[in-house]
Protein backbone atom coordinates (compact mmCIF):
# COMPACT_ATOMS: atom_id res chain seq x y z
CA MET A 1 28.99 -20.08 -27.71
CA GLY A 2 25.68 -21.69 -28.52
CA ASN A 3 25.90 -23.93 -25.55
CA GLN A 4 26.86 -21.05 -23.30
CA LYS A 5 23.64 -19.25 -24.36
CA LYS A 6 21.59 -22.18 -23.77
CA ASP A 7 23.04 -22.49 -20.27
CA ILE A 8 22.19 -18.95 -19.54
CA SER A 9 18.67 -19.35 -20.91
CA ARG A 10 18.22 -22.51 -18.73
CA ARG A 11 19.37 -20.72 -15.73
CA GLN A 12 17.12 -17.76 -16.26
CA PHE A 13 14.20 -20.06 -16.86
CA ILE A 14 14.84 -22.01 -13.57
CA LYS A 15 15.19 -18.68 -11.81
CA ALA A 16 12.02 -17.22 -13.17
CA SER A 17 10.17 -20.45 -12.43
CA ALA A 18 11.38 -20.41 -8.78
CA VAL A 19 10.16 -16.89 -8.35
CA ALA A 20 6.79 -17.54 -9.79
CA VAL A 21 6.42 -20.70 -7.57
CA GLY A 22 7.52 -18.76 -4.56
CA SER A 23 4.99 -16.00 -5.27
CA VAL A 24 2.09 -18.43 -5.68
CA ALA A 25 3.22 -20.18 -2.47
CA ALA A 26 3.19 -16.86 -0.62
CA ILE A 27 -0.11 -15.92 -1.79
CA GLY A 28 -1.63 -19.35 -1.00
CA PHE A 29 0.02 -19.07 2.48
CA GLY A 30 -1.75 -15.89 3.09
CA VAL A 31 -5.09 -17.31 2.14
CA GLU A 32 -4.57 -20.39 4.22
CA TYR A 33 -3.20 -18.62 7.25
CA ILE A 34 -6.12 -16.16 7.45
CA LYS A 35 -8.53 -18.94 7.57
CA LYS A 36 -6.77 -20.68 10.42
CA TYR A 37 -6.35 -17.43 12.21
CA ASP A 38 -10.15 -16.80 11.92
CA ASP A 39 -11.02 -20.28 13.04
CA SER A 40 -9.02 -19.90 16.25
CA GLY A 41 -11.39 -17.30 17.40
CA ASP A 42 -8.81 -14.53 17.74
CA PHE A 43 -10.10 -12.49 14.89
CA GLN A 44 -7.68 -10.39 12.87
CA LYS A 45 -7.24 -6.86 14.00
CA ILE A 46 -6.67 -5.31 10.49
CA LEU A 47 -9.61 -3.97 8.62
CA ARG A 48 -10.68 -4.36 5.12
CA PRO A 49 -11.82 -1.23 3.31
CA PRO A 50 -15.57 -0.19 3.33
CA GLY A 51 -17.82 -2.57 1.44
CA ALA A 52 -15.56 -5.65 1.62
CA ILE A 53 -17.55 -8.84 0.90
CA LEU A 54 -17.07 -12.05 2.98
CA GLU A 55 -13.48 -12.73 3.71
CA ASP A 56 -13.30 -16.16 2.03
CA ASP A 57 -14.80 -14.53 -1.08
CA PHE A 58 -12.77 -11.24 -0.73
CA ILE A 59 -9.29 -12.97 -1.02
CA TYR A 60 -10.28 -14.56 -4.35
CA ALA A 61 -12.32 -11.65 -5.78
CA CYS A 62 -9.73 -9.06 -5.17
CA ILE A 63 -7.37 -8.77 -8.03
CA LYS A 64 -4.85 -6.64 -6.18
CA CYS A 65 -5.14 -3.82 -8.68
CA GLY A 66 -4.55 -1.06 -6.16
CA LEU A 67 -7.25 1.30 -7.46
CA CYS A 68 -8.73 1.69 -3.99
CA VAL A 69 -5.33 2.68 -2.75
CA GLN A 70 -4.79 5.26 -5.42
CA ILE A 71 -8.18 6.91 -5.07
CA CYS A 72 -8.32 7.21 -1.27
CA PRO A 73 -7.98 10.92 -0.46
CA VAL A 74 -6.42 10.27 2.97
CA GLN A 75 -4.24 7.36 1.90
CA ALA A 76 -5.87 5.12 4.43
CA ILE A 77 -5.69 2.02 2.34
CA LYS A 78 -2.50 0.02 1.98
CA LEU A 79 -1.68 -3.19 0.22
CA ALA A 80 -0.65 -6.21 2.52
CA GLY A 81 2.97 -7.32 2.48
CA ILE A 82 4.09 -10.83 2.32
CA ASN A 83 4.61 -11.16 6.06
CA GLN A 84 1.23 -9.75 7.11
CA ILE A 85 -1.84 -11.74 8.35
CA LEU A 86 -3.63 -11.20 5.03
CA SER A 87 -3.43 -12.39 1.43
CA TYR A 88 -0.51 -10.78 -0.08
CA GLY A 89 -1.32 -7.70 -2.09
CA THR A 90 -4.80 -7.24 -0.87
CA PRO A 91 -6.00 -3.90 0.66
CA TYR A 92 -6.36 -3.10 4.37
CA ILE A 93 -6.59 -0.24 6.78
CA ASN A 94 -4.41 0.31 9.86
CA VAL A 95 -6.64 2.90 11.68
CA ARG A 96 -4.17 3.70 14.27
CA ASN A 97 -1.88 5.15 11.47
CA GLN A 98 -4.53 6.45 9.26
CA ALA A 99 -8.33 6.08 9.67
CA CYS A 100 -10.98 6.06 7.04
CA ASP A 101 -12.68 9.50 7.79
CA PHE A 102 -15.24 9.44 5.03
CA SER A 103 -13.96 12.91 3.73
CA CYS A 104 -14.34 11.64 0.20
CA ASP A 105 -18.02 11.90 0.68
CA SER A 106 -18.72 9.21 -1.90
CA LEU A 107 -17.00 5.92 -0.89
CA GLN A 108 -14.67 6.20 -3.85
CA CYS A 109 -12.78 3.17 -2.89
CA VAL A 110 -15.92 1.00 -3.20
CA GLU A 111 -17.09 2.65 -6.38
CA THR A 112 -13.79 2.23 -8.17
CA CYS A 113 -13.43 -1.50 -7.36
CA PRO A 114 -13.63 -3.40 -10.74
CA THR A 115 -14.49 -6.77 -9.28
CA ALA A 116 -17.06 -5.89 -6.61
CA ALA A 117 -14.73 -7.27 -3.88
CA LEU A 118 -15.79 -4.02 -2.45
CA ASN A 119 -19.48 -4.11 -3.13
CA PHE A 120 -20.93 -0.69 -4.06
CA VAL A 121 -24.43 -2.05 -4.85
CA GLN A 122 -25.54 -2.13 -1.21
CA PHE A 123 -24.54 1.57 -0.72
CA LYS A 124 -26.08 2.70 -4.03
CA GLU A 125 -29.46 1.13 -2.88
CA VAL A 126 -29.21 2.82 0.47
CA GLY A 127 -28.30 6.28 -1.20
CA GLU A 128 -31.27 6.02 -3.66
CA LYS A 129 -33.69 5.23 -0.82
CA ALA A 130 -32.37 8.32 1.15
CA VAL A 131 -32.99 10.50 -1.87
CA GLU A 132 -36.51 9.13 -2.13
CA GLU A 133 -37.19 9.85 1.59
CA TYR A 134 -35.75 13.35 1.29
CA ASP A 135 -38.02 14.19 -1.72
CA LYS A 136 -41.07 13.20 0.24
CA THR A 137 -40.58 16.10 2.80
CA HIS A 138 -38.72 18.66 0.54
CA ASP A 139 -39.82 20.69 -2.35
CA TYR A 140 -37.20 20.83 -5.05
CA LYS A 141 -38.36 24.44 -5.96
CA GLN A 142 -37.38 25.72 -2.59
CA PRO A 143 -33.93 27.35 -1.90
CA GLY A 144 -31.45 24.93 -0.30
CA TYR A 145 -32.95 21.78 -1.91
CA ASN A 146 -30.11 19.19 -1.82
CA PRO A 147 -31.02 15.54 -1.56
CA PHE A 148 -27.41 14.55 -2.11
CA LYS A 149 -26.46 15.44 1.53
CA SER A 150 -29.01 12.89 2.82
CA GLN A 151 -27.60 10.38 0.15
CA ILE A 152 -24.09 10.95 1.39
CA LYS A 153 -25.00 10.59 5.15
CA ALA A 154 -27.01 7.41 4.53
CA MET A 155 -24.18 5.71 2.56
CA LYS A 156 -21.63 6.60 5.30
CA GLU A 157 -23.81 5.18 7.96
CA ALA A 158 -24.41 2.03 5.93
CA VAL A 159 -20.66 1.09 6.12
CA LYS A 160 -19.78 -1.72 8.52
CA MET A 161 -16.03 -2.49 8.63
CA GLY A 162 -16.11 -3.29 12.27
CA THR A 163 -17.04 -2.03 15.78
CA ALA A 164 -15.18 0.10 18.19
CA VAL A 165 -14.19 -1.48 21.62
CA VAL A 166 -13.44 0.71 24.71
CA HIS A 167 -10.57 -0.43 26.96
CA LYS A 168 -11.58 0.97 30.33
CA LYS A 169 -8.44 0.26 32.10
CA THR A 170 -6.48 2.95 30.09
CA CYS A 171 -9.33 5.30 29.07
CA LEU A 172 -8.75 8.80 30.36
CA ALA A 173 -12.57 9.48 30.57
CA VAL A 174 -13.18 6.33 32.66
CA LYS A 175 -10.42 7.74 35.04
CA GLY A 176 -12.09 11.18 35.03
CA LYS A 177 -9.08 12.70 33.37
CA GLY A 178 -8.97 15.30 30.56
CA PHE A 179 -6.61 15.98 27.90
CA LYS A 180 -4.81 19.04 26.59
CA GLY A 181 -2.58 19.29 23.62
CA THR A 182 -2.02 17.49 20.35
CA PRO A 183 -3.37 13.76 20.77
CA ARG A 184 -0.69 11.93 18.79
CA GLY A 185 2.17 14.42 18.89
CA GLU A 186 3.59 16.88 16.47
CA ASN A 187 5.31 14.26 14.32
CA PHE A 188 2.09 12.12 13.59
CA LYS A 189 1.27 12.15 10.00
CA GLY A 190 -2.46 11.22 10.13
CA ILE A 191 -5.13 13.44 8.47
CA TYR A 192 -8.85 13.87 8.88
CA ARG A 193 -11.76 16.25 8.39
CA ALA A 194 -13.30 16.96 11.81
CA PRO A 195 -17.07 16.87 11.96
CA ASP A 196 -17.33 20.52 13.16
CA SER A 197 -14.72 21.72 10.61
CA LYS A 198 -15.46 24.14 7.86
CA GLU A 199 -12.54 22.55 5.89
CA LYS A 200 -13.57 20.92 2.64
CA ARG A 201 -10.48 18.74 2.87
CA PRO A 202 -8.95 16.69 5.63
CA VAL A 203 -6.19 18.45 7.58
CA PRO A 204 -3.25 16.95 9.66
CA LEU A 205 -4.18 15.80 13.22
CA ASN A 206 -1.01 17.34 14.45
CA THR A 207 -2.31 20.92 13.75
CA LYS A 208 -5.11 20.48 16.05
CA LYS A 209 -4.98 21.24 19.84
CA PHE A 210 -7.53 20.26 22.30
CA ASP A 211 -8.29 21.18 25.90
CA ARG A 212 -10.96 18.96 27.52
CA GLU A 213 -11.64 18.72 31.13
CA ILE A 214 -12.73 15.20 30.51
CA CYS A 215 -11.33 13.54 27.44
CA ASN A 216 -14.00 12.85 24.84
CA LEU A 217 -12.10 12.96 21.58
CA CYS A 218 -13.45 9.68 20.42
CA VAL A 219 -16.92 11.13 20.70
CA THR A 220 -16.44 14.59 19.32
CA GLU A 221 -14.26 13.65 16.35
CA CYS A 222 -16.42 10.75 15.14
CA PRO A 223 -17.63 11.33 11.57
CA ILE A 224 -20.92 9.52 12.24
CA GLY A 225 -21.90 11.18 15.37
CA ASP A 226 -24.21 10.19 18.17
CA SER A 227 -25.63 7.24 16.41
CA ALA A 228 -22.24 5.62 16.59
CA ILE A 229 -20.76 6.66 19.97
CA ILE A 230 -21.78 8.82 23.00
CA MET A 231 -20.33 9.73 26.38
CA GLU A 232 -22.04 7.79 29.23
CA ASP A 233 -21.94 9.41 32.72
CA MET A 234 -20.69 6.81 35.19
CA GLY A 235 -21.00 9.10 38.31
CA ASN A 236 -18.14 10.60 40.46
CA ALA A 237 -16.91 12.70 37.58
CA THR A 238 -16.12 9.71 35.44
CA PHE A 239 -17.41 8.84 32.00
CA LYS A 240 -17.20 5.97 29.52
CA PRO A 241 -17.48 6.26 25.85
CA LYS A 242 -20.44 4.02 24.78
CA VAL A 243 -20.30 2.45 21.39
CA LEU A 244 -23.68 2.11 19.70
CA ASP A 245 -25.08 0.21 16.73
CA GLY A 246 -24.21 3.02 14.32
CA CYS A 247 -20.57 2.46 14.72
CA THR A 248 -19.10 1.87 11.35
CA GLY A 249 -15.55 0.90 12.39
CA CYS A 250 -13.97 3.70 10.47
CA GLY A 251 -11.26 4.03 13.05
CA VAL A 252 -11.14 7.85 13.48
CA CYS A 253 -11.66 7.26 17.31
CA VAL A 254 -8.64 5.05 17.36
CA MET A 255 -6.50 7.51 15.47
CA VAL A 256 -7.23 10.37 17.63
CA CYS A 257 -7.05 8.60 20.97
CA PRO A 258 -4.18 10.16 22.98
CA THR A 259 -3.22 7.17 25.16
CA GLU A 260 -0.57 4.88 24.03
CA PRO A 261 -1.58 2.23 23.15
CA SER A 262 -5.02 3.44 22.18
CA SER A 263 -7.79 2.99 24.62
CA ILE A 264 -10.20 2.14 21.90
CA THR A 265 -9.61 -0.33 19.12
CA ILE A 266 -11.67 -1.68 16.26
CA GLU A 267 -12.92 -5.26 16.18
CA PRO A 268 -13.28 -6.13 12.43
CA LYS A 269 -16.69 -7.50 11.32
CA LYS A 270 -17.20 -11.16 11.54
CA ASP A 271 -18.46 -12.95 8.49
């Protein structure tokens, strides 16, 4: 009986060791693969959350705790699986499925990161400067005094996950076409808070219906506004969405784009 117990313990130990080695190998593969993929020049299409530090540092700084996933109000952040082109267990955003719409108004994912893999310091400094500038032109004794609106706006605009890229061959506006209906269909699960909405919380995209003579959803639904993307008149009743330096790469434009595949994508920031 004693020998049998020893055999079972030995088998359990070998099995546990194999699992541990496999996990480490998988994580190591994710680290090495992303480096090779970046070096090829074909940069990965999956985004890191706002505030992510340089990729080579990020994959070691991130402890895969999942706090950014838990706190995201629109559930945009997911953890990478073992077969994805990212280090296993690290956070990413697939904006076509669910964009980062900034409806949390405070970059909660960045603020909650315990290791500064998502670096909040840069946004804190931007926010403090915005409050200082606001106070120079506003009297705190006057009704409506609220420096925090300026702070929130400045912090959102400081985010740089990537840059939107318009694909002219499929863009409805470039073709001079409009759009009528629900952009992604009634079964689409993505949510967001539209810029012109009075809603305090994000609502399902499938509850919204649009009727545009020329499709411009990527422009009108952008949470940043005309510092990020505008509609450029190309003549002959055709238009082209023009991406500007203020684009944060949040991906709302990608999520709401009615063409399949999307006529606008996000190119992640390059380190």
